[in-house]
Structure formats: structure tokens, C-alpha cells
Amino acid sequence: MDKKIIKIEIDNEALMEKIKNTIGNQCACFVLITCSAPSAEGKMEVQMHFEGDESLASFLVENAAQVFDDRIGQRESQ
């Protein structure tokens, strides 16, 4: 499976500045993933934006996925 990072430009620059200011200067990288509510057909629009090094963003997403997989596994084993 090919791994791909898609950088989506967010139209609202003020929103991005607010996010950056909230996170602070010590943050080397962040990933913001959002989705719309599902349509009647069950489809959702997913968007991702990241700031910082692309390899670090990929590392963050992969490790976050592992955290969720572990939590789901623990919940299902109970």
C-alpha cells in the first residue's frame, strides 16, 4: 500500500494562526484531521493539514493510528 500525505491549504488564515498560537513555538510539527458529518450514503469528506516536516507528520499519524488500534484492541478484549 502506498503511503501518501496530502497537504490541504486551509482557506481561513486567521484560524491557522489561532491554532499555531495555541500550540506554541515549541511545537515542531502538528497534524489537523477533520471530517464532515456523514451524508445519507454514509460518505464523509476528510481533510488533513499539517505544519512542519512531512516525515515527522507521517510519523505522528502512524503512531497515532497505533495508539487507536491498541485502545480498540483493549476495549474489544474486555
C-alpha atoms as a PDB file:
ATOM      1  CA  MET A   1       0.000   0.000   0.000  1.00  0.00           C
ATOM      2  CA  ASP A   2       1.363   3.430  -0.932  1.00  0.00           C
ATOM      3  CA  LYS A   3       1.571   5.911   1.911  1.00  0.00           C
ATOM      4  CA  LYS A   4       0.692   9.432   0.972  1.00  0.00           C
ATOM      5  CA  ILE A   5       0.494  12.702   2.843  1.00  0.00           C
ATOM      6  CA  ILE A   6      -1.846  15.262   1.391  1.00  0.00           C
ATOM      7  CA  LYS A   7      -1.308  18.856   2.406  1.00  0.00           C
ATOM      8  CA  ILE A   8      -4.539  20.794   2.148  1.00  0.00           C
ATOM      9  CA  GLU A   9      -4.425  24.550   2.209  1.00  0.00           C
ATOM     10  CA  ILE A  10      -6.879  25.930   4.713  1.00  0.00           C
ATOM     11  CA  ASP A  11      -8.669  28.999   3.402  1.00  0.00           C
ATOM     12  CA  ASN A  12      -9.020  30.652   6.782  1.00  0.00           C
ATOM     13  CA  GLU A  13      -5.554  32.034   7.582  1.00  0.00           C
ATOM     14  CA  ALA A  14      -6.848  33.535  10.831  1.00  0.00           C
ATOM     15  CA  LEU A  15      -7.918  30.072  12.009  1.00  0.00           C
ATOM     16  CA  MET A  16      -4.492  28.613  11.235  1.00  0.00           C
ATOM     17  CA  GLU A  17      -2.765  31.455  13.089  1.00  0.00           C
ATOM     18  CA  LYS A  18      -5.010  30.851  16.113  1.00  0.00           C
ATOM     19  CA  ILE A  19      -4.130  27.136  16.063  1.00  0.00           C
ATOM     20  CA  LYS A  20      -0.407  27.885  15.769  1.00  0.00           C
ATOM     21  CA  ASN A  21      -0.568  30.423  18.604  1.00  0.00           C
ATOM     22  CA  THR A  22      -2.446  27.965  20.816  1.00  0.00           C
ATOM     23  CA  ILE A  23       0.059  25.186  20.180  1.00  0.00           C
ATOM     24  CA  GLY A  24       3.025  27.459  20.829  1.00  0.00           C
ATOM     25  CA  ASN A  25       6.529  27.860  19.458  1.00  0.00           C
ATOM     26  CA  GLN A  26       7.896  24.642  20.970  1.00  0.00           C
ATOM     27  CA  CYS A  27       5.823  22.534  18.574  1.00  0.00           C
ATOM     28  CA  ALA A  28       7.967  21.160  15.751  1.00  0.00           C
ATOM     29  CA  CYS A  29       5.026  19.707  13.843  1.00  0.00           C
ATOM     30  CA  PHE A  30       1.278  19.216  14.028  1.00  0.00           C
ATOM     31  CA  VAL A  31      -1.385  17.403  12.032  1.00  0.00           C
ATOM     32  CA  LEU A  32      -5.009  18.520  11.873  1.00  0.00           C
ATOM     33  CA  ILE A  33      -7.502  15.974  10.528  1.00  0.00           C
ATOM     34  CA  THR A  34     -11.169  16.882  10.153  1.00  0.00           C
ATOM     35  CA  CYS A  35     -14.223  15.259   8.625  1.00  0.00           C
ATOM     36  CA  SER A  36     -17.730  16.285   7.724  1.00  0.00           C
ATOM     37  CA  ALA A  37     -20.822  14.619   9.087  1.00  0.00           C
ATOM     38  CA  PRO A  38     -21.738  11.534   7.048  1.00  0.00           C
ATOM     39  CA  SER A  39     -24.064  12.015   4.098  1.00  0.00           C
ATOM     40  CA  ALA A  40     -27.194   9.928   3.649  1.00  0.00           C
ATOM     41  CA  GLU A  41     -24.993   7.452   1.745  1.00  0.00           C
ATOM     42  CA  GLY A  42     -22.555   7.289   4.651  1.00  0.00           C
ATOM     43  CA  LYS A  43     -19.775   9.231   2.914  1.00  0.00           C
ATOM     44  CA  MET A  44     -17.658  11.779   4.750  1.00  0.00           C
ATOM     45  CA  GLU A  45     -15.288  14.414   3.438  1.00  0.00           C
ATOM     46  CA  VAL A  46     -11.942  14.067   5.199  1.00  0.00           C
ATOM     47  CA  GLN A  47      -9.333  16.823   5.140  1.00  0.00           C
ATOM     48  CA  MET A  48      -5.838  16.938   6.569  1.00  0.00           C
ATOM     49  CA  HIS A  49      -3.464  19.821   7.117  1.00  0.00           C
ATOM     50  CA  PHE A  50      -0.019  19.665   8.611  1.00  0.00           C
ATOM     51  CA  GLU A  51       2.673  22.149   9.520  1.00  0.00           C
ATOM     52  CA  GLY A  52       6.296  21.135   9.845  1.00  0.00           C
ATOM     53  CA  ASP A  53       8.410  18.391   8.375  1.00  0.00           C
ATOM     54  CA  GLU A  54       6.490  15.935   6.192  1.00  0.00           C
ATOM     55  CA  SER A  55       8.372  12.906   7.567  1.00  0.00           C
ATOM     56  CA  LEU A  56       7.623  13.962  11.131  1.00  0.00           C
ATOM     57  CA  ALA A  57       3.948  14.490  10.247  1.00  0.00           C
ATOM     58  CA  SER A  58       3.858  10.969   8.802  1.00  0.00           C
ATOM     59  CA  PHE A  59       5.473   9.615  11.980  1.00  0.00           C
ATOM     60  CA  LEU A  60       2.848  11.365  14.126  1.00  0.00           C
ATOM     61  CA  VAL A  61      -0.059   9.983  12.094  1.00  0.00           C
ATOM     62  CA  GLU A  62       1.331   6.434  12.045  1.00  0.00           C
ATOM     63  CA  ASN A  63       1.928   6.439  15.798  1.00  0.00           C
ATOM     64  CA  ALA A  64      -1.486   7.944  16.486  1.00  0.00           C
ATOM     65  CA  ALA A  65      -3.045   5.150  14.436  1.00  0.00           C
ATOM     66  CA  GLN A  66      -1.189   2.594  16.552  1.00  0.00           C
ATOM     67  CA  VAL A  67      -2.490   4.211  19.752  1.00  0.00           C
ATOM     68  CA  PHE A  68      -6.070   3.970  18.471  1.00  0.00           C
ATOM     69  CA  ASP A  69      -5.566   0.380  17.292  1.00  0.00           C
ATOM     70  CA  ASP A  70      -4.232  -0.572  20.737  1.00  0.00           C
ATOM     71  CA  ARG A  71      -7.122   1.114  22.540  1.00  0.00           C
ATOM     72  CA  ILE A  72      -9.694  -0.578  20.294  1.00  0.00           C
ATOM     73  CA  GLY A  73      -7.975  -3.928  20.837  1.00  0.00           C
ATOM     74  CA  GLN A  74      -8.063  -3.458  24.615  1.00  0.00           C
ATOM     75  CA  ARG A  75     -11.721  -2.469  24.547  1.00  0.00           C
ATOM     76  CA  GLU A  76     -12.669  -5.453  22.380  1.00  0.00           C
ATOM     77  CA  SER A  77     -10.799  -7.895  24.614  1.00  0.00           C
ATOM     78  CA  GLN A  78     -12.796  -6.845  27.694  1.00  0.00           C
END
